[in-house]
Amino acid sequence: DYQRACVVVLQGDLDHDDQDLLRLTMRTARL
């Protein structure tokens, strides 16, 4: 959490197996 931004830091290999967690993470960040 920054003053005017929310930064999601990702790492490694992102593929179809990670999409549920990525969607949840993005939803959390948008909140």
PDB file of all heavy atoms in Angstrom:
ATOM      1  N   ASP A   1       0.831  -1.185   0.000  1.00  0.00           N
ATOM      2  CA  ASP A   1       0.000   0.000   0.000  1.00  0.00           C
ATOM      3  C   ASP A   1       0.876   1.249   0.000  1.00  0.00           C
ATOM      4  O   ASP A   1       1.698   1.441   0.884  1.00  0.00           O
ATOM      5  CB  ASP A   1      -0.901  -0.027   1.240  1.00  0.00           C
ATOM      6  CG  ASP A   1      -2.002   0.994   1.182  1.00  0.00           C
ATOM      7  OD1 ASP A   1      -2.446   1.332   0.079  1.00  0.00           O
ATOM      8  OD2 ASP A   1      -2.421   1.448   2.243  1.00  0.00           O
ATOM      9  N   TYR A   2       0.698   2.077  -1.028  1.00  0.00           N
ATOM     10  CA  TYR A   2       1.381   3.362  -1.128  1.00  0.00           C
ATOM     11  C   TYR A   2       0.319   4.456  -1.020  1.00  0.00           C
ATOM     12  O   TYR A   2      -0.875   4.167  -1.049  1.00  0.00           O
ATOM     13  CB  TYR A   2       2.116   3.479  -2.465  1.00  0.00           C
ATOM     14  CG  TYR A   2       3.330   2.578  -2.556  1.00  0.00           C
ATOM     15  CD1 TYR A   2       3.201   1.236  -2.888  1.00  0.00           C
ATOM     16  CD2 TYR A   2       4.599   3.080  -2.307  1.00  0.00           C
ATOM     17  CE1 TYR A   2       4.307   0.409  -2.970  1.00  0.00           C
ATOM     18  CE2 TYR A   2       5.719   2.257  -2.392  1.00  0.00           C
ATOM     19  CZ  TYR A   2       5.566   0.921  -2.717  1.00  0.00           C
ATOM     20  OH  TYR A   2       6.662   0.108  -2.806  1.00  0.00           O
ATOM     21  N   GLN A   3       0.758   5.704  -0.944  1.00  0.00           N
ATOM     22  CA  GLN A   3      -0.193   6.801  -0.760  1.00  0.00           C
ATOM     23  C   GLN A   3      -1.268   6.818  -1.836  1.00  0.00           C
ATOM     24  O   GLN A   3      -2.438   6.964  -1.548  1.00  0.00           O
ATOM     25  CB  GLN A   3       0.538   8.139  -0.732  1.00  0.00           C
ATOM     26  CG  GLN A   3      -0.400   9.303  -0.437  1.00  0.00           C
ATOM     27  CD  GLN A   3       0.346  10.617  -0.322  1.00  0.00           C
ATOM     28  OE1 GLN A   3       1.552  10.669  -0.441  1.00  0.00           O
ATOM     29  NE2 GLN A   3      -0.393  11.673  -0.110  1.00  0.00           N
ATOM     30  N   ARG A   4      -0.890   6.685  -3.107  1.00  0.00           N
ATOM     31  CA  ARG A   4      -1.864   6.771  -4.190  1.00  0.00           C
ATOM     32  C   ARG A   4      -1.942   5.507  -5.037  1.00  0.00           C
ATOM     33  O   ARG A   4      -2.581   5.517  -6.083  1.00  0.00           O
ATOM     34  CB  ARG A   4      -1.526   7.954  -5.095  1.00  0.00           C
ATOM     35  CG  ARG A   4      -1.794   9.283  -4.459  1.00  0.00           C
ATOM     36  CD  ARG A   4      -1.699  10.388  -5.487  1.00  0.00           C
ATOM     37  NE  ARG A   4      -2.293  11.597  -5.008  1.00  0.00           N
ATOM     38  CZ  ARG A   4      -1.640  12.529  -4.324  1.00  0.00           C
ATOM     39  NH1 ARG A   4      -0.376  12.371  -4.043  1.00  0.00           N
ATOM     40  NH2 ARG A   4      -2.266  13.618  -3.928  1.00  0.00           N
ATOM     41  N   ALA A   5      -1.292   4.450  -4.606  1.00  0.00           N
ATOM     42  CA  ALA A   5      -1.284   3.232  -5.414  1.00  0.00           C
ATOM     43  C   ALA A   5      -1.253   2.000  -4.518  1.00  0.00           C
ATOM     44  O   ALA A   5      -0.788   2.043  -3.391  1.00  0.00           O
ATOM     45  CB  ALA A   5      -0.088   3.222  -6.356  1.00  0.00           C
ATOM     46  N   CYS A   6      -1.757   0.922  -5.085  1.00  0.00           N
ATOM     47  CA  CYS A   6      -1.662  -0.389  -4.463  1.00  0.00           C
ATOM     48  C   CYS A   6      -0.839  -1.234  -5.435  1.00  0.00           C
ATOM     49  O   CYS A   6      -1.209  -1.380  -6.605  1.00  0.00           O
ATOM     50  CB  CYS A   6      -3.053  -0.985  -4.274  1.00  0.00           C
ATOM     51  SG  CYS A   6      -3.025  -2.584  -3.468  1.00  0.00           S
ATOM     52  N   VAL A   7       0.283  -1.748  -4.961  1.00  0.00           N
ATOM     53  CA  VAL A   7       1.198  -2.478  -5.827  1.00  0.00           C
ATOM     54  C   VAL A   7       1.111  -3.973  -5.531  1.00  0.00           C
ATOM     55  O   VAL A   7       1.277  -4.398  -4.391  1.00  0.00           O
ATOM     56  CB  VAL A   7       2.656  -1.988  -5.635  1.00  0.00           C
ATOM     57  CG1 VAL A   7       3.618  -2.805  -6.485  1.00  0.00           C
ATOM     58  CG2 VAL A   7       2.768  -0.502  -5.972  1.00  0.00           C
ATOM     59  N   VAL A   8       0.842  -4.738  -6.580  1.00  0.00           N
ATOM     60  CA  VAL A   8       0.828  -6.194  -6.487  1.00  0.00           C
ATOM     61  C   VAL A   8       2.155  -6.687  -7.053  1.00  0.00           C
ATOM     62  O   VAL A   8       2.458  -6.465  -8.223  1.00  0.00           O
ATOM     63  CB  VAL A   8      -0.343  -6.799  -7.297  1.00  0.00           C
ATOM     64  CG1 VAL A   8      -0.282  -8.316  -7.275  1.00  0.00           C
ATOM     65  CG2 VAL A   8      -1.676  -6.295  -6.761  1.00  0.00           C
ATOM     66  N   VAL A   9       2.963  -7.313  -6.204  1.00  0.00           N
ATOM     67  CA  VAL A   9       4.272  -7.812  -6.616  1.00  0.00           C
ATOM     68  C   VAL A   9       4.140  -9.302  -6.913  1.00  0.00           C
ATOM     69  O   VAL A   9       3.737 -10.077  -6.042  1.00  0.00           O
ATOM     70  CB  VAL A   9       5.342  -7.569  -5.527  1.00  0.00           C
ATOM     71  CG1 VAL A   9       6.704  -8.063  -5.998  1.00  0.00           C
ATOM     72  CG2 VAL A   9       5.408  -6.091  -5.154  1.00  0.00           C
ATOM     73  N   LEU A  10       4.461  -9.678  -8.152  1.00  0.00           N
ATOM     74  CA  LEU A  10       4.376 -11.065  -8.590  1.00  0.00           C
ATOM     75  C   LEU A  10       5.769 -11.599  -8.893  1.00  0.00           C
ATOM     76  O   LEU A  10       6.697 -10.822  -9.136  1.00  0.00           O
ATOM     77  CB  LEU A  10       3.487 -11.168  -9.835  1.00  0.00           C
ATOM     78  CG  LEU A  10       2.054 -10.641  -9.674  1.00  0.00           C
ATOM     79  CD1 LEU A  10       1.325 -10.683 -11.011  1.00  0.00           C
ATOM     80  CD2 LEU A  10       1.294 -11.421  -8.626  1.00  0.00           C
ATOM     81  N   GLN A  11       5.892 -12.931  -8.927  1.00  0.00           N
ATOM     82  CA  GLN A  11       7.191 -13.537  -9.201  1.00  0.00           C
ATOM     83  C   GLN A  11       7.048 -14.864  -9.932  1.00  0.00           C
ATOM     84  O   GLN A  11       5.972 -15.464  -9.933  1.00  0.00           O
ATOM     85  CB  GLN A  11       7.944 -13.780  -7.894  1.00  0.00           C
ATOM     86  CG  GLN A  11       7.346 -14.908  -7.067  1.00  0.00           C
ATOM     87  CD  GLN A  11       8.106 -15.183  -5.787  1.00  0.00           C
ATOM     88  OE1 GLN A  11       9.169 -14.639  -5.561  1.00  0.00           O
ATOM     89  NE2 GLN A  11       7.551 -16.032  -4.946  1.00  0.00           N
ATOM     90  N   GLY A  12       8.149 -15.297 -10.524  1.00  0.00           N
ATOM     91  CA  GLY A  12       8.231 -16.629 -11.105  1.00  0.00           C
ATOM     92  C   GLY A  12       7.466 -16.800 -12.394  1.00  0.00           C
ATOM     93  O   GLY A  12       7.398 -15.902 -13.227  1.00  0.00           O
ATOM     94  N   ASP A  13       6.887 -17.994 -12.559  1.00  0.00           N
ATOM     95  CA  ASP A  13       6.141 -18.362 -13.749  1.00  0.00           C
ATOM     96  C   ASP A  13       4.648 -18.275 -13.449  1.00  0.00           C
ATOM     97  O   ASP A  13       4.162 -18.884 -12.495  1.00  0.00           O
ATOM     98  CB  ASP A  13       6.471 -19.793 -14.164  1.00  0.00           C
ATOM     99  CG  ASP A  13       7.928 -19.967 -14.563  1.00  0.00           C
ATOM    100  OD1 ASP A  13       8.616 -18.947 -14.773  1.00  0.00           O
ATOM    101  OD2 ASP A  13       8.377 -21.124 -14.663  1.00  0.00           O
ATOM    102  N   LEU A  14       3.924 -17.533 -14.276  1.00  0.00           N
ATOM    103  CA  LEU A  14       2.477 -17.383 -14.114  1.00  0.00           C
ATOM    104  C   LEU A  14       1.782 -18.100 -15.262  1.00  0.00           C
ATOM    105  O   LEU A  14       1.992 -17.756 -16.421  1.00  0.00           O
ATOM    106  CB  LEU A  14       2.090 -15.904 -14.126  1.00  0.00           C
ATOM    107  CG  LEU A  14       2.685 -15.053 -13.010  1.00  0.00           C
ATOM    108  CD1 LEU A  14       2.516 -13.584 -13.321  1.00  0.00           C
ATOM    109  CD2 LEU A  14       2.038 -15.405 -11.697  1.00  0.00           C
ATOM    110  N   ASP A  15       0.964 -19.089 -14.920  1.00  0.00           N
ATOM    111  CA  ASP A  15       0.234 -19.804 -15.962  1.00  0.00           C
ATOM    112  C   ASP A  15      -1.198 -20.052 -15.517  1.00  0.00           C
ATOM    113  O   ASP A  15      -1.646 -19.505 -14.513  1.00  0.00           O
ATOM    114  CB  ASP A  15       0.950 -21.103 -16.344  1.00  0.00           C
ATOM    115  CG  ASP A  15       1.088 -22.076 -15.186  1.00  0.00           C
ATOM    116  OD1 ASP A  15       0.276 -22.013 -14.233  1.00  0.00           O
ATOM    117  OD2 ASP A  15       2.004 -22.911 -15.216  1.00  0.00           O
ATOM    118  N   HIS A  16      -1.914 -20.882 -16.264  1.00  0.00           N
ATOM    119  CA  HIS A  16      -3.343 -21.097 -16.000  1.00  0.00           C
ATOM    120  C   HIS A  16      -3.614 -21.612 -14.584  1.00  0.00           C
ATOM    121  O   HIS A  16      -4.674 -21.366 -14.033  1.00  0.00           O
ATOM    122  CB  HIS A  16      -3.953 -22.023 -17.055  1.00  0.00           C
ATOM    123  CG  HIS A  16      -3.433 -23.416 -16.995  1.00  0.00           C
ATOM    124  ND1 HIS A  16      -2.219 -23.778 -17.527  1.00  0.00           N
ATOM    125  CD2 HIS A  16      -3.957 -24.529 -16.434  1.00  0.00           C
ATOM    126  CE1 HIS A  16      -2.009 -25.066 -17.300  1.00  0.00           C
ATOM    127  NE2 HIS A  16      -3.048 -25.544 -16.650  1.00  0.00           N
ATOM    128  N   ASP A  17      -2.661 -22.321 -13.977  1.00  0.00           N
ATOM    129  CA  ASP A  17      -2.859 -22.844 -12.618  1.00  0.00           C
ATOM    130  C   ASP A  17      -2.922 -21.739 -11.571  1.00  0.00           C
ATOM    131  O   ASP A  17      -3.426 -21.955 -10.478  1.00  0.00           O
ATOM    132  CB  ASP A  17      -1.730 -23.804 -12.244  1.00  0.00           C
ATOM    133  CG  ASP A  17      -1.785 -25.103 -13.030  1.00  0.00           C
ATOM    134  OD1 ASP A  17      -2.875 -25.462 -13.515  1.00  0.00           O
ATOM    135  OD2 ASP A  17      -0.727 -25.745 -13.176  1.00  0.00           O
ATOM    136  N   ASP A  18      -2.415 -20.555 -11.896  1.00  0.00           N
ATOM    137  CA  ASP A  18      -2.342 -19.460 -10.934  1.00  0.00           C
ATOM    138  C   ASP A  18      -3.491 -18.463 -11.045  1.00  0.00           C
ATOM    139  O   ASP A  18      -3.550 -17.495 -10.286  1.00  0.00           O
ATOM    140  CB  ASP A  18      -1.023 -18.695 -11.123  1.00  0.00           C
ATOM    141  CG  ASP A  18       0.180 -19.591 -10.953  1.00  0.00           C
ATOM    142  OD1 ASP A  18       0.265 -20.267  -9.913  1.00  0.00           O
ATOM    143  OD2 ASP A  18       1.033 -19.616 -11.863  1.00  0.00           O
ATOM    144  N   GLN A  19      -4.405 -18.687 -11.956  1.00  0.00           N
ATOM    145  CA  GLN A  19      -5.401 -17.660 -12.256  1.00  0.00           C
ATOM    146  C   GLN A  19      -6.389 -17.395 -11.126  1.00  0.00           C
ATOM    147  O   GLN A  19      -6.774 -16.245 -10.892  1.00  0.00           O
ATOM    148  CB  GLN A  19      -6.138 -17.982 -13.559  1.00  0.00           C
ATOM    149  CG  GLN A  19      -5.201 -18.040 -14.767  1.00  0.00           C
ATOM    150  CD  GLN A  19      -4.182 -16.918 -14.793  1.00  0.00           C
ATOM    151  OE1 GLN A  19      -4.557 -15.753 -14.889  1.00  0.00           O
ATOM    152  NE2 GLN A  19      -2.897 -17.242 -14.704  1.00  0.00           N
ATOM    153  N   ASP A  20      -6.809 -18.413 -10.388  1.00  0.00           N
ATOM    154  CA  ASP A  20      -7.743 -18.179  -9.279  1.00  0.00           C
ATOM    155  C   ASP A  20      -7.097 -17.286  -8.216  1.00  0.00           C
ATOM    156  O   ASP A  20      -7.710 -16.329  -7.738  1.00  0.00           O
ATOM    157  CB  ASP A  20      -8.204 -19.495  -8.646  1.00  0.00           C
ATOM    158  CG  ASP A  20      -9.143 -20.268  -9.552  1.00  0.00           C
ATOM    159  OD1 ASP A  20      -9.746 -19.647 -10.455  1.00  0.00           O
ATOM    160  OD2 ASP A  20      -9.267 -21.492  -9.354  1.00  0.00           O
ATOM    161  N   LEU A  21      -5.866 -17.591  -7.860  1.00  0.00           N
ATOM    162  CA  LEU A  21      -5.163 -16.788  -6.870  1.00  0.00           C
ATOM    163  C   LEU A  21      -4.902 -15.377  -7.400  1.00  0.00           C
ATOM    164  O   LEU A  21      -5.056 -14.396  -6.669  1.00  0.00           O
ATOM    165  CB  LEU A  21      -3.842 -17.454  -6.470  1.00  0.00           C
ATOM    166  CG  LEU A  21      -3.023 -16.727  -5.409  1.00  0.00           C
ATOM    167  CD1 LEU A  21      -3.827 -16.545  -4.118  1.00  0.00           C
ATOM    168  CD2 LEU A  21      -1.729 -17.479  -5.150  1.00  0.00           C
ATOM    169  N   LEU A  22      -4.576 -15.251  -8.673  1.00  0.00           N
ATOM    170  CA  LEU A  22      -4.331 -13.938  -9.259  1.00  0.00           C
ATOM    171  C   LEU A  22      -5.614 -13.108  -9.276  1.00  0.00           C
ATOM    172  O   LEU A  22      -5.591 -11.916  -8.940  1.00  0.00           O
ATOM    173  CB  LEU A  22      -3.761 -14.084 -10.674  1.00  0.00           C
ATOM    174  CG  LEU A  22      -3.325 -12.805 -11.358  1.00  0.00           C
ATOM    175  CD1 LEU A  22      -2.312 -12.033 -10.526  1.00  0.00           C
ATOM    176  CD2 LEU A  22      -2.752 -13.117 -12.734  1.00  0.00           C
ATOM    177  N   ARG A  23      -6.742 -13.719  -9.626  1.00  0.00           N
ATOM    178  CA  ARG A  23      -8.028 -12.996  -9.604  1.00  0.00           C
ATOM    179  C   ARG A  23      -8.357 -12.507  -8.192  1.00  0.00           C
ATOM    180  O   ARG A  23      -8.775 -11.366  -7.989  1.00  0.00           O
ATOM    181  CB  ARG A  23      -9.164 -13.884 -10.123  1.00  0.00           C
ATOM    182  CG  ARG A  23      -9.307 -13.848 -11.634  1.00  0.00           C
ATOM    183  CD  ARG A  23     -10.586 -14.559 -12.067  1.00  0.00           C
ATOM    184  NE  ARG A  23     -10.530 -16.004 -11.864  1.00  0.00           N
ATOM    185  CZ  ARG A  23      -9.942 -16.854 -12.703  1.00  0.00           C
ATOM    186  NH1 ARG A  23      -9.375 -16.415 -13.806  1.00  0.00           N
ATOM    187  NH2 ARG A  23      -9.939 -18.137 -12.453  1.00  0.00           N
ATOM    188  N   LEU A  24      -8.168 -13.359  -7.207  1.00  0.00           N
ATOM    189  CA  LEU A  24      -8.420 -12.995  -5.815  1.00  0.00           C
ATOM    190  C   LEU A  24      -7.494 -11.864  -5.375  1.00  0.00           C
ATOM    191  O   LEU A  24      -7.920 -10.912  -4.718  1.00  0.00           O
ATOM    192  CB  LEU A  24      -8.243 -14.218  -4.910  1.00  0.00           C
ATOM    193  CG  LEU A  24      -8.454 -14.001  -3.420  1.00  0.00           C
ATOM    194  CD1 LEU A  24      -9.874 -13.534  -3.129  1.00  0.00           C
ATOM    195  CD2 LEU A  24      -8.159 -15.300  -2.674  1.00  0.00           C
ATOM    196  N   THR A  25      -6.244 -11.947  -5.770  1.00  0.00           N
ATOM    197  CA  THR A  25      -5.269 -10.907  -5.432  1.00  0.00           C
ATOM    198  C   THR A  25      -5.652  -9.575  -6.061  1.00  0.00           C
ATOM    199  O   THR A  25      -5.608  -8.532  -5.401  1.00  0.00           O
ATOM    200  CB  THR A  25      -3.858 -11.323  -5.903  1.00  0.00           C
ATOM    201  OG1 THR A  25      -3.514 -12.561  -5.265  1.00  0.00           O
ATOM    202  CG2 THR A  25      -2.824 -10.270  -5.574  1.00  0.00           C
ATOM    203  N   MET A  26      -6.050  -9.601  -7.319  1.00  0.00           N
ATOM    204  CA  MET A  26      -6.438  -8.366  -8.007  1.00  0.00           C
ATOM    205  C   MET A  26      -7.693  -7.776  -7.368  1.00  0.00           C
ATOM    206  O   MET A  26      -7.800  -6.566  -7.203  1.00  0.00           O
ATOM    207  CB  MET A  26      -6.650  -8.621  -9.498  1.00  0.00           C
ATOM    208  CG  MET A  26      -5.394  -9.073 -10.237  1.00  0.00           C
ATOM    209  SD  MET A  26      -3.998  -7.963 -10.034  1.00  0.00           S
ATOM    210  CE  MET A  26      -4.652  -6.493 -10.793  1.00  0.00           C
ATOM    211  N   ARG A  27      -8.635  -8.617  -7.002  1.00  0.00           N
ATOM    212  CA  ARG A  27      -9.858  -8.139  -6.336  1.00  0.00           C
ATOM    213  C   ARG A  27      -9.500  -7.466  -5.003  1.00  0.00           C
ATOM    214  O   ARG A  27     -10.017  -6.396  -4.670  1.00  0.00           O
ATOM    215  CB  ARG A  27     -10.813  -9.313  -6.107  1.00  0.00           C
ATOM    216  CG  ARG A  27     -12.201  -8.893  -5.709  1.00  0.00           C
ATOM    217  CD  ARG A  27     -13.186 -10.055  -5.632  1.00  0.00           C
ATOM    218  NE  ARG A  27     -13.093 -10.939  -6.782  1.00  0.00           N
ATOM    219  CZ  ARG A  27     -12.930 -12.270  -6.703  1.00  0.00           C
ATOM    220  NH1 ARG A  27     -12.865 -12.875  -5.549  1.00  0.00           N
ATOM    221  NH2 ARG A  27     -12.870 -13.001  -7.795  1.00  0.00           N
ATOM    222  N   THR A  28      -8.605  -8.080  -4.250  1.00  0.00           N
ATOM    223  CA  THR A  28      -8.155  -7.511  -2.979  1.00  0.00           C
ATOM    224  C   THR A  28      -7.481  -6.164  -3.198  1.00  0.00           C
ATOM    225  O   THR A  28      -7.756  -5.198  -2.484  1.00  0.00           O
ATOM    226  CB  THR A  28      -7.182  -8.481  -2.278  1.00  0.00           C
ATOM    227  OG1 THR A  28      -7.851  -9.723  -2.055  1.00  0.00           O
ATOM    228  CG2 THR A  28      -6.690  -7.917  -0.959  1.00  0.00           C
ATOM    229  N   ALA A  29      -6.622  -6.079  -4.208  1.00  0.00           N
ATOM    230  CA  ALA A  29      -5.917  -4.819  -4.498  1.00  0.00           C
ATOM    231  C   ALA A  29      -6.895  -3.724  -4.916  1.00  0.00           C
ATOM    232  O   ALA A  29      -6.764  -2.569  -4.498  1.00  0.00           O
ATOM    233  CB  ALA A  29      -4.871  -5.050  -5.584  1.00  0.00           C
ATOM    234  N   ARG A  30      -7.893  -4.069  -5.720  1.00  0.00           N
ATOM    235  CA  ARG A  30      -8.879  -3.072  -6.158  1.00  0.00           C
ATOM    236  C   ARG A  30      -9.688  -2.512  -5.000  1.00  0.00           C
ATOM    237  O   ARG A  30     -10.141  -1.370  -5.044  1.00  0.00           O
ATOM    238  CB  ARG A  30      -9.823  -3.675  -7.200  1.00  0.00           C
ATOM    239  CG  ARG A  30      -9.214  -3.760  -8.582  1.00  0.00           C
ATOM    240  CD  ARG A  30     -10.273  -4.025  -9.641  1.00  0.00           C
ATOM    241  NE  ARG A  30     -11.324  -4.934  -9.237  1.00  0.00           N
ATOM    242  CZ  ARG A  30     -11.354  -6.238  -9.487  1.00  0.00           C
ATOM    243  NH1 ARG A  30     -10.396  -6.804 -10.161  1.00  0.00           N
ATOM    244  NH2 ARG A  30     -12.380  -6.978  -9.098  1.00  0.00           N
ATOM    245  N   LEU A  31      -9.872  -3.303  -3.949  1.00  0.00           N
ATOM    246  CA  LEU A  31     -10.623  -2.837  -2.791  1.00  0.00           C
ATOM    247  C   LEU A  31      -9.953  -1.648  -2.104  1.00  0.00           C
ATOM    248  O   LEU A  31     -10.595  -0.929  -1.343  1.00  0.00           O
ATOM    249  CB  LEU A  31     -10.827  -3.972  -1.784  1.00  0.00           C
ATOM    250  CG  LEU A  31     -11.811  -5.052  -2.214  1.00  0.00           C
ATOM    251  CD1 LEU A  31     -11.820  -6.193  -1.195  1.00  0.00           C
ATOM    252  CD2 LEU A  31     -13.208  -4.481  -2.384  1.00  0.00           C
TER     253      LEU A  31
END
